[in-house]
PDB file of N, CA and C in Angstrom:
ATOM      1  N   MET A   1       0.817  -1.255   0.105  1.00  0.00           N
ATOM      2  CA  MET A   1      -0.029  -0.025   0.024  1.00  0.00           C
ATOM      3  C   MET A   1       0.814   1.170  -0.065  1.00  0.00           C
ATOM      4  N   SER A   2       1.825   1.234  -0.840  1.00  0.00           N
ATOM      5  CA  SER A   2       2.864   2.255  -0.820  1.00  0.00           C
ATOM      6  C   SER A   2       2.212   3.331  -1.821  1.00  0.00           C
ATOM      7  N   GLN A   3       2.982   4.609  -1.964  1.00  0.00           N
ATOM      8  CA  GLN A   3       2.613   5.506  -2.659  1.00  0.00           C
ATOM      9  C   GLN A   3       3.001   5.299  -4.286  1.00  0.00           C
ATOM     10  N   GLY A   4       3.626   4.315  -4.405  1.00  0.00           N
ATOM     11  CA  GLY A   4       4.222   4.140  -5.934  1.00  0.00           C
ATOM     12  C   GLY A   4       5.696   4.740  -6.039  1.00  0.00           C
ATOM     13  N   ARG A   5       6.456   5.148  -4.874  1.00  0.00           N
ATOM     14  CA  ARG A   5       7.798   5.467  -4.999  1.00  0.00           C
ATOM     15  C   ARG A   5       8.552   4.761  -4.097  1.00  0.00           C
ATOM     16  N   THR A   6       9.785   4.775  -4.473  1.00  0.00           N
ATOM     17  CA  THR A   6      10.784   4.077  -3.620  1.00  0.00           C
ATOM     18  C   THR A   6      10.975   4.741  -2.315  1.00  0.00           C
ATOM     19  N   GLY A   7      11.471   3.854  -1.323  1.00  0.00           N
ATOM     20  CA  GLY A   7      11.542   4.575   0.187  1.00  0.00           C
ATOM     21  C   GLY A   7      10.518   4.057   1.075  1.00  0.00           C
ATOM     22  N   LYS A   8      10.376   4.754   2.169  1.00  0.00           N
ATOM     23  CA  LYS A   8       9.521   4.431   3.135  1.00  0.00           C
ATOM     24  C   LYS A   8       8.024   4.045   2.626  1.00  0.00           C
ATOM     25  N   ILE A   9       7.431   2.945   3.254  1.00  0.00           N
ATOM     26  CA  ILE A   9       6.142   2.780   2.680  1.00  0.00           C
ATOM     27  C   ILE A   9       5.063   3.443   3.579  1.00  0.00           C
ATOM     28  N   ASN A  10       4.117   4.015   2.875  1.00  0.00           N
ATOM     29  CA  ASN A  10       2.979   4.867   3.478  1.00  0.00           C
ATOM     30  C   ASN A  10       1.931   3.746   3.662  1.00  0.00           C
ATOM     31  N   TYR A  11       1.543   3.662   4.905  1.00  0.00           N
ATOM     32  CA  TYR A  11       0.597   2.746   5.265  1.00  0.00           C
ATOM     33  C   TYR A  11      -0.902   3.655   5.363  1.00  0.00           C
ATOM     34  N   ARG A  12      -1.847   2.928   5.154  1.00  0.00           N
ATOM     35  CA  ARG A  12      -3.229   3.470   5.048  1.00  0.00           C
ATOM     36  C   ARG A  12      -4.017   3.195   6.308  1.00  0.00           C
ATOM     37  N   CYS A  13      -4.630   3.902   6.797  1.00  0.00           N
ATOM     38  CA  CYS A  13      -5.527   3.673   8.092  1.00  0.00           C
ATOM     39  C   CYS A  13      -6.340   2.589   7.819  1.00  0.00           C
ATOM     40  N   PRO A  14      -6.318   1.453   8.542  1.00  0.00           N
ATOM     41  CA  PRO A  14      -7.292   0.367   8.306  1.00  0.00           C
ATOM     42  C   PRO A  14      -8.547   0.493   8.674  1.00  0.00           C
ATOM     43  N   GLU A  15      -9.001   1.374   9.769  1.00  0.00           N
ATOM     44  CA  GLU A  15     -10.214   1.444  10.016  1.00  0.00           C
ATOM     45  C   GLU A  15     -10.668   2.396   9.020  1.00  0.00           C
ATOM     46  N   CYS A  16     -10.153   3.578   8.438  1.00  0.00           N
ATOM     47  CA  CYS A  16     -10.817   4.218   7.389  1.00  0.00           C
ATOM     48  C   CYS A  16     -11.166   3.533   6.202  1.00  0.00           C
ATOM     49  N   LEU A  17      -9.988   2.732   5.895  1.00  0.00           N
ATOM     50  CA  LEU A  17     -10.012   1.938   4.673  1.00  0.00           C
ATOM     51  C   LEU A  17     -11.260   1.050   4.657  1.00  0.00           C
ATOM     52  N   PHE A  18     -11.596   0.750   5.984  1.00  0.00           N
ATOM     53  CA  PHE A  18     -12.962  -0.357   5.968  1.00  0.00           C
ATOM     54  C   PHE A  18     -14.151   0.619   5.478  1.00  0.00           C
ATOM     55  N   ARG A  19     -14.103   1.791   5.918  1.00  0.00           N
ATOM     56  CA  ARG A  19     -15.159   2.813   5.431  1.00  0.00           C
ATOM     57  C   ARG A  19     -14.907   3.296   4.128  1.00  0.00           C
ATOM     58  N   GLU A  20     -13.892   2.639   3.281  1.00  0.00           N
ATOM     59  CA  GLU A  20     -13.733   3.343   1.856  1.00  0.00           C
ATOM     60  C   GLU A  20     -13.231   4.651   1.939  1.00  0.00           C
ATOM     61  N   VAL A  21     -12.378   5.035   2.753  1.00  0.00           N
ATOM     62  CA  VAL A  21     -11.840   6.256   2.961  1.00  0.00           C
ATOM     63  C   VAL A  21     -10.211   6.172   2.709  1.00  0.00           C
ATOM     64  N   ASP A  22      -9.566   6.640   2.185  1.00  0.00           N
ATOM     65  CA  ASP A  22      -8.127   6.400   1.875  1.00  0.00           C
ATOM     66  C   ASP A  22      -7.370   7.549   2.571  1.00  0.00           C
ATOM     67  N   TYR A  23      -6.785   7.171   3.827  1.00  0.00           N
ATOM     68  CA  TYR A  23      -6.018   8.202   4.682  1.00  0.00           C
ATOM     69  C   TYR A  23      -4.810   7.686   5.082  1.00  0.00           C
ATOM     70  N   ASP A  24      -3.676   8.321   4.929  1.00  0.00           N
ATOM     71  CA  ASP A  24      -2.443   8.062   5.564  1.00  0.00           C
ATOM     72  C   ASP A  24      -2.041   8.078   6.882  1.00  0.00           C
ATOM     73  N   LEU A  25      -1.514   7.106   7.385  1.00  0.00           N
ATOM     74  CA  LEU A  25      -1.146   6.989   8.962  1.00  0.00           C
ATOM     75  C   LEU A  25       0.153   7.830   9.156  1.00  0.00           C
ATOM     76  N   LEU A  26       0.326   8.268  10.297  1.00  0.00           N
ATOM     77  CA  LEU A  26       1.475   9.063  10.678  1.00  0.00           C
ATOM     78  C   LEU A  26       2.212   8.121  11.661  1.00  0.00           C
ATOM     79  N   TYR A  27       3.702   8.153  11.643  1.00  0.00           N
ATOM     80  CA  TYR A  27       4.464   7.302  12.444  1.00  0.00           C
ATOM     81  C   TYR A  27       4.962   8.224  13.783  1.00  0.00           C
ATOM     82  N   GLU A  28       4.779   7.618  14.981  1.00  0.00           N
ATOM     83  CA  GLU A  28       5.453   8.169  16.031  1.00  0.00           C
ATOM     84  C   GLU A  28       6.576   7.349  16.579  1.00  0.00           C
ATOM     85  N   LYS A  29       7.878   8.042  16.235  1.00  0.00           N
ATOM     86  CA  LYS A  29       9.094   7.234  16.592  1.00  0.00           C
ATOM     87  C   LYS A  29       9.374   6.581  17.905  1.00  0.00           C
ATOM     88  N   GLU A  30       8.907   7.578  18.805  1.00  0.00           N
ATOM     89  CA  GLU A  30       9.241   7.277  20.401  1.00  0.00           C
ATOM     90  C   GLU A  30       8.537   6.008  20.851  1.00  0.00           C
ATOM     91  N   LEU A  31       7.198   5.880  20.360  1.00  0.00           N
ATOM     92  CA  LEU A  31       6.318   4.773  20.840  1.00  0.00           C
ATOM     93  C   LEU A  31       6.342   3.561  19.646  1.00  0.00           C
ATOM     94  N   ASP A  32       7.110   3.918  18.503  1.00  0.00           N
ATOM     95  CA  ASP A  32       7.026   2.998  17.411  1.00  0.00           C
ATOM     96  C   ASP A  32       5.834   2.422  17.250  1.00  0.00           C
ATOM     97  N   GLN A  33       4.939   3.560  16.864  1.00  0.00           N
ATOM     98  CA  GLN A  33       3.347   3.052  16.422  1.00  0.00           C
ATOM     99  C   GLN A  33       2.976   4.194  15.321  1.00  0.00           C
ATOM    100  N   TYR A  34       1.859   3.759  14.677  1.00  0.00           N
ATOM    101  CA  TYR A  34       1.195   4.361  13.811  1.00  0.00           C
ATOM    102  C   TYR A  34       0.206   4.968  14.110  1.00  0.00           C
ATOM    103  N   TYR A  35      -0.405   6.089  13.795  1.00  0.00           N
ATOM    104  CA  TYR A  35      -1.819   6.523  14.252  1.00  0.00           C
ATOM    105  C   TYR A  35      -2.434   7.356  13.169  1.00  0.00           C
ATOM    106  N   CYS A  36      -3.675   7.526  13.320  1.00  0.00           N
ATOM    107  CA  CYS A  36      -4.622   8.279  12.257  1.00  0.00           C
ATOM    108  C   CYS A  36      -5.213   9.530  12.883  1.00  0.00           C
ATOM    109  N   ARG A  37      -4.953  10.647  12.196  1.00  0.00           N
ATOM    110  CA  ARG A  37      -5.499  11.797  12.612  1.00  0.00           C
ATOM    111  C   ARG A  37      -6.939  11.947  12.437  1.00  0.00           C
ATOM    112  N   ARG A  38      -7.542  11.402  11.545  1.00  0.00           N
ATOM    113  CA  ARG A  38      -8.983  11.218  11.173  1.00  0.00           C
ATOM    114  C   ARG A  38      -9.803  10.551  12.091  1.00  0.00           C
ATOM    115  N   CYS A  39      -9.385   9.461  12.318  1.00  0.00           N
ATOM    116  CA  CYS A  39     -10.030   8.667  13.316  1.00  0.00           C
ATOM    117  C   CYS A  39      -9.506   7.894  14.746  1.00  0.00           C
ATOM    118  N   ASN A  40      -8.382   8.519  15.049  1.00  0.00           N
ATOM    119  CA  ASN A  40      -7.662   8.388  16.194  1.00  0.00           C
ATOM    120  C   ASN A  40      -7.332   6.994  16.413  1.00  0.00           C
ATOM    121  N   TRP A  41      -7.016   6.182  15.361  1.00  0.00           N
ATOM    122  CA  TRP A  41      -6.750   4.744  15.419  1.00  0.00           C
ATOM    123  C   TRP A  41      -5.280   4.616  15.731  1.00  0.00           C
ATOM    124  N   GLU A  42      -4.788   3.573  16.547  1.00  0.00           N
ATOM    125  CA  GLU A  42      -3.332   3.565  16.867  1.00  0.00           C
ATOM    126  C   GLU A  42      -2.995   2.101  16.613  1.00  0.00           C
ATOM    127  N   GLY A  43      -1.632   1.846  16.330  1.00  0.00           N
ATOM    128  CA  GLY A  43      -1.353   0.322  16.145  1.00  0.00           C
ATOM    129  C   GLY A  43      -0.008   0.316  15.764  1.00  0.00           C
ATOM    130  N   ASN A  44       0.644  -0.880  15.608  1.00  0.00           N
ATOM    131  CA  ASN A  44       1.866  -1.259  15.193  1.00  0.00           C
ATOM    132  C   ASN A  44       1.848  -1.762  13.928  1.00  0.00           C
ATOM    133  N   GLU A  45       3.094  -2.168  13.225  1.00  0.00           N
ATOM    134  CA  GLU A  45       2.804  -2.491  11.894  1.00  0.00           C
ATOM    135  C   GLU A  45       2.293  -3.825  11.653  1.00  0.00           C
ATOM    136  N   PHE A  46       2.560  -4.789  12.674  1.00  0.00           N
ATOM    137  CA  PHE A  46       1.887  -6.005  12.940  1.00  0.00           C
ATOM    138  C   PHE A  46       0.484  -5.841  12.795  1.00  0.00           C
ATOM    139  N   GLU A  47      -0.008  -5.202  13.342  1.00  0.00           N
ATOM    140  CA  GLU A  47      -1.569  -4.952  13.648  1.00  0.00           C
ATOM    141  C   GLU A  47      -1.971  -4.587  12.204  1.00  0.00           C
ATOM    142  N   ILE A  48      -1.278  -3.453  11.499  1.00  0.00           N
ATOM    143  CA  ILE A  48      -1.764  -2.943  10.253  1.00  0.00           C
ATOM    144  C   ILE A  48      -1.869  -4.118   9.265  1.00  0.00           C
ATOM    145  N   LEU A  49      -0.872  -4.711   9.221  1.00  0.00           N
ATOM    146  CA  LEU A  49      -0.884  -6.053   8.201  1.00  0.00           C
ATOM    147  C   LEU A  49      -1.862  -6.875   8.560  1.00  0.00           C
ATOM    148  N   ARG A  50      -2.468  -7.191   9.791  1.00  0.00           N
ATOM    149  CA  ARG A  50      -3.324  -8.103  10.149  1.00  0.00           C
ATOM    150  C   ARG A  50      -4.589  -7.461   9.808  1.00  0.00           C
ATOM    151  N   LEU A  51      -4.857  -6.260   9.728  1.00  0.00           N
ATOM    152  CA  LEU A  51      -6.100  -5.813   9.476  1.00  0.00           C
ATOM    153  C   LEU A  51      -6.133  -5.547   7.969  1.00  0.00           C
ATOM    154  N   TYR A  52      -5.251  -5.495   7.258  1.00  0.00           N
ATOM    155  CA  TYR A  52      -5.054  -5.366   5.787  1.00  0.00           C
ATOM    156  C   TYR A  52      -5.568  -6.779   5.159  1.00  0.00           C
ATOM    157  N   SER A  53      -5.115  -7.846   5.893  1.00  0.00           N
ATOM    158  CA  SER A  53      -5.378  -9.049   5.472  1.00  0.00           C
ATOM    159  C   SER A  53      -7.012  -9.472   5.672  1.00  0.00           C
ATOM    160  N   VAL A  54      -7.654  -8.833   6.813  1.00  0.00           N
ATOM    161  CA  VAL A  54      -9.061  -8.905   6.881  1.00  0.00           C
ATOM    162  C   VAL A  54      -9.637  -7.989   5.781  1.00  0.00           C
ATOM    163  N   TYR A  55      -9.221  -6.857   5.463  1.00  0.00           N
ATOM    164  CA  TYR A  55      -9.772  -6.038   4.262  1.00  0.00           C
ATOM    165  C   TYR A  55      -9.590  -6.804   2.902  1.00  0.00           C
ATOM    166  N   LYS A  56      -8.566  -7.412   2.774  1.00  0.00           N
ATOM    167  CA  LYS A  56      -8.218  -8.135   1.417  1.00  0.00           C
ATOM    168  C   LYS A  56      -9.413  -9.222   1.154  1.00  0.00           C
ATOM    169  N   ARG A  57      -9.815  -9.745   2.211  1.00  0.00           N
ATOM    170  CA  ARG A  57     -10.897 -10.851   2.064  1.00  0.00           C
ATOM    171  C   ARG A  57     -12.206 -10.395   1.499  1.00  0.00           C
ATOM    172  N   LYS A  58     -12.425  -9.181   1.642  1.00  0.00           N
ATOM    173  CA  LYS A  58     -13.346  -8.589   0.942  1.00  0.00           C
ATOM    174  C   LYS A  58     -13.466  -8.580  -0.641  1.00  0.00           C
ATOM    175  N   TYR A  59     -12.375  -8.437  -1.088  1.00  0.00           N
ATOM    176  CA  TYR A  59     -12.176  -8.480  -2.631  1.00  0.00           C
ATOM    177  C   TYR A  59     -11.551  -9.686  -3.294  1.00  0.00           C
ATOM    178  N   LYS A  60     -11.615 -10.822  -2.399  1.00  0.00           N
ATOM    179  CA  LYS A  60     -10.929 -12.080  -2.701  1.00  0.00           C
ATOM    180  C   LYS A  60     -11.397 -12.679  -4.161  1.00  0.00           C
ATOM    181  N   ASP A  61     -12.688 -12.599  -4.379  1.00  0.00           N
ATOM    182  CA  ASP A  61     -13.283 -12.972  -5.611  1.00  0.00           C
ATOM    183  C   ASP A  61     -13.756 -12.097  -6.440  1.00  0.00           C
ATOM    184  N   MET A  62     -13.194 -10.954  -6.484  1.00  0.00           N
ATOM    185  CA  MET A  62     -13.455  -9.673  -7.329  1.00  0.00           C
ATOM    186  C   MET A  62     -13.370 -10.030  -8.719  1.00  0.00           C
ATOM    187  N   LEU A  63     -12.325 -11.007  -9.286  1.00  0.00           N
ATOM    188  CA  LEU A  63     -12.099 -11.299 -10.672  1.00  0.00           C
ATOM    189  C   LEU A  63     -12.526 -12.415 -11.078  1.00  0.00           C
ATOM    190  N   LYS A  64     -13.381 -13.267 -10.260  1.00  0.00           N
ATOM    191  CA  LYS A  64     -13.997 -14.427 -10.611  1.00  0.00           C
ATOM    192  C   LYS A  64     -15.467 -13.904 -11.170  1.00  0.00           C
ATOM    193  N   ARG A  65     -15.720 -14.703 -12.296  1.00  0.00           N
ATOM    194  CA  ARG A  65     -16.912 -14.501 -13.016  1.00  0.00           C
ATOM    195  C   ARG A  65     -17.828 -15.595 -12.603  1.00  0.00           C
ATOM    196  N   TYR A  66     -18.960 -15.121 -12.029  1.00  0.00           N
ATOM    197  CA  TYR A  66     -20.144 -16.116 -11.517  1.00  0.00           C
ATOM    198  C   TYR A  66     -21.151 -16.178 -12.619  1.00  0.00           C
ATOM    199  N   THR A  67     -21.432 -17.402 -12.950  1.00  0.00           N
ATOM    200  CA  THR A  67     -22.513 -17.714 -13.890  1.00  0.00           C
ATOM    201  C   THR A  67     -23.898 -17.865 -13.152  1.00  0.00           C
ATOM    202  N   VAL A  68     -25.135 -17.788 -13.904  1.00  0.00           N
ATOM    203  CA  VAL A  68     -26.272 -17.970 -13.329  1.00  0.00           C
ATOM    204  C   VAL A  68     -26.246 -19.434 -12.656  1.00  0.00           C
ATOM    205  N   GLU A  69     -25.806 -20.436 -13.147  1.00  0.00           N
ATOM    206  CA  GLU A  69     -25.619 -21.689 -12.827  1.00  0.00           C
ATOM    207  C   GLU A  69     -25.024 -21.689 -11.412  1.00  0.00           C
ATOM    208  N   ASP A  70     -23.792 -21.156 -11.309  1.00  0.00           N
ATOM    209  CA  ASP A  70     -23.224 -21.070  -9.998  1.00  0.00           C
ATOM    210  C   ASP A  70     -24.077 -20.476  -8.747  1.00  0.00           C
ATOM    211  N   ILE A  71     -24.778 -19.348  -9.338  1.00  0.00           N
ATOM    212  CA  ILE A  71     -25.753 -18.861  -8.270  1.00  0.00           C
ATOM    213  C   ILE A  71     -26.729 -19.735  -7.853  1.00  0.00           C
ATOM    214  N   MET A  72     -27.399 -20.266  -8.985  1.00  0.00           N
ATOM    215  CA  MET A  72     -28.750 -21.161  -8.637  1.00  0.00           C
ATOM    216  C   MET A  72     -27.854 -22.368  -7.843  1.00  0.00           C
ATOM    217  N   ALA A  73     -26.956 -23.021  -8.125  1.00  0.00           N
ATOM    218  CA  ALA A  73     -26.349 -24.153  -7.187  1.00  0.00           C
ATOM    219  C   ALA A  73     -26.094 -23.806  -5.971  1.00  0.00           C
ATOM    220  N   LYS A  74     -25.743 -22.370  -5.672  1.00  0.00           N
ATOM    221  CA  LYS A  74     -25.396 -21.982  -4.353  1.00  0.00           C
ATOM    222  C   LYS A  74     -26.766 -21.869  -3.342  1.00  0.00           C
ATOM    223  N   ASP A  75     -27.852 -21.567  -4.117  1.00  0.00           N
ATOM    224  CA  ASP A  75     -29.106 -21.521  -3.469  1.00  0.00           C
ATOM    225  C   ASP A  75     -29.788 -22.812  -2.897  1.00  0.00           C
ATOM    226  N   GLU A  76     -29.268 -23.900  -3.778  1.00  0.00           N
ATOM    227  CA  GLU A  76     -29.960 -25.247  -3.494  1.00  0.00           C
ATOM    228  C   GLU A  76     -29.429 -25.884  -2.125  1.00  0.00           C
TER     229      GLU A  76
END
């Protein structure tokens, strides 16, 4: 989830991302924590990556094409 340039990765706020808002996290070096100014979320890098994996599940079948037969078979 970087900005597309080399260097430090800019993480997006996972809580804002769940609400379809794209907002960068800020890093506090003394506490080794990331935080969001928009929603007051705080967490470390491990927690960010864990929440990203939960977010990715939402789009896991985005490129799969479902046919009418697939949908009808699921309802039975």
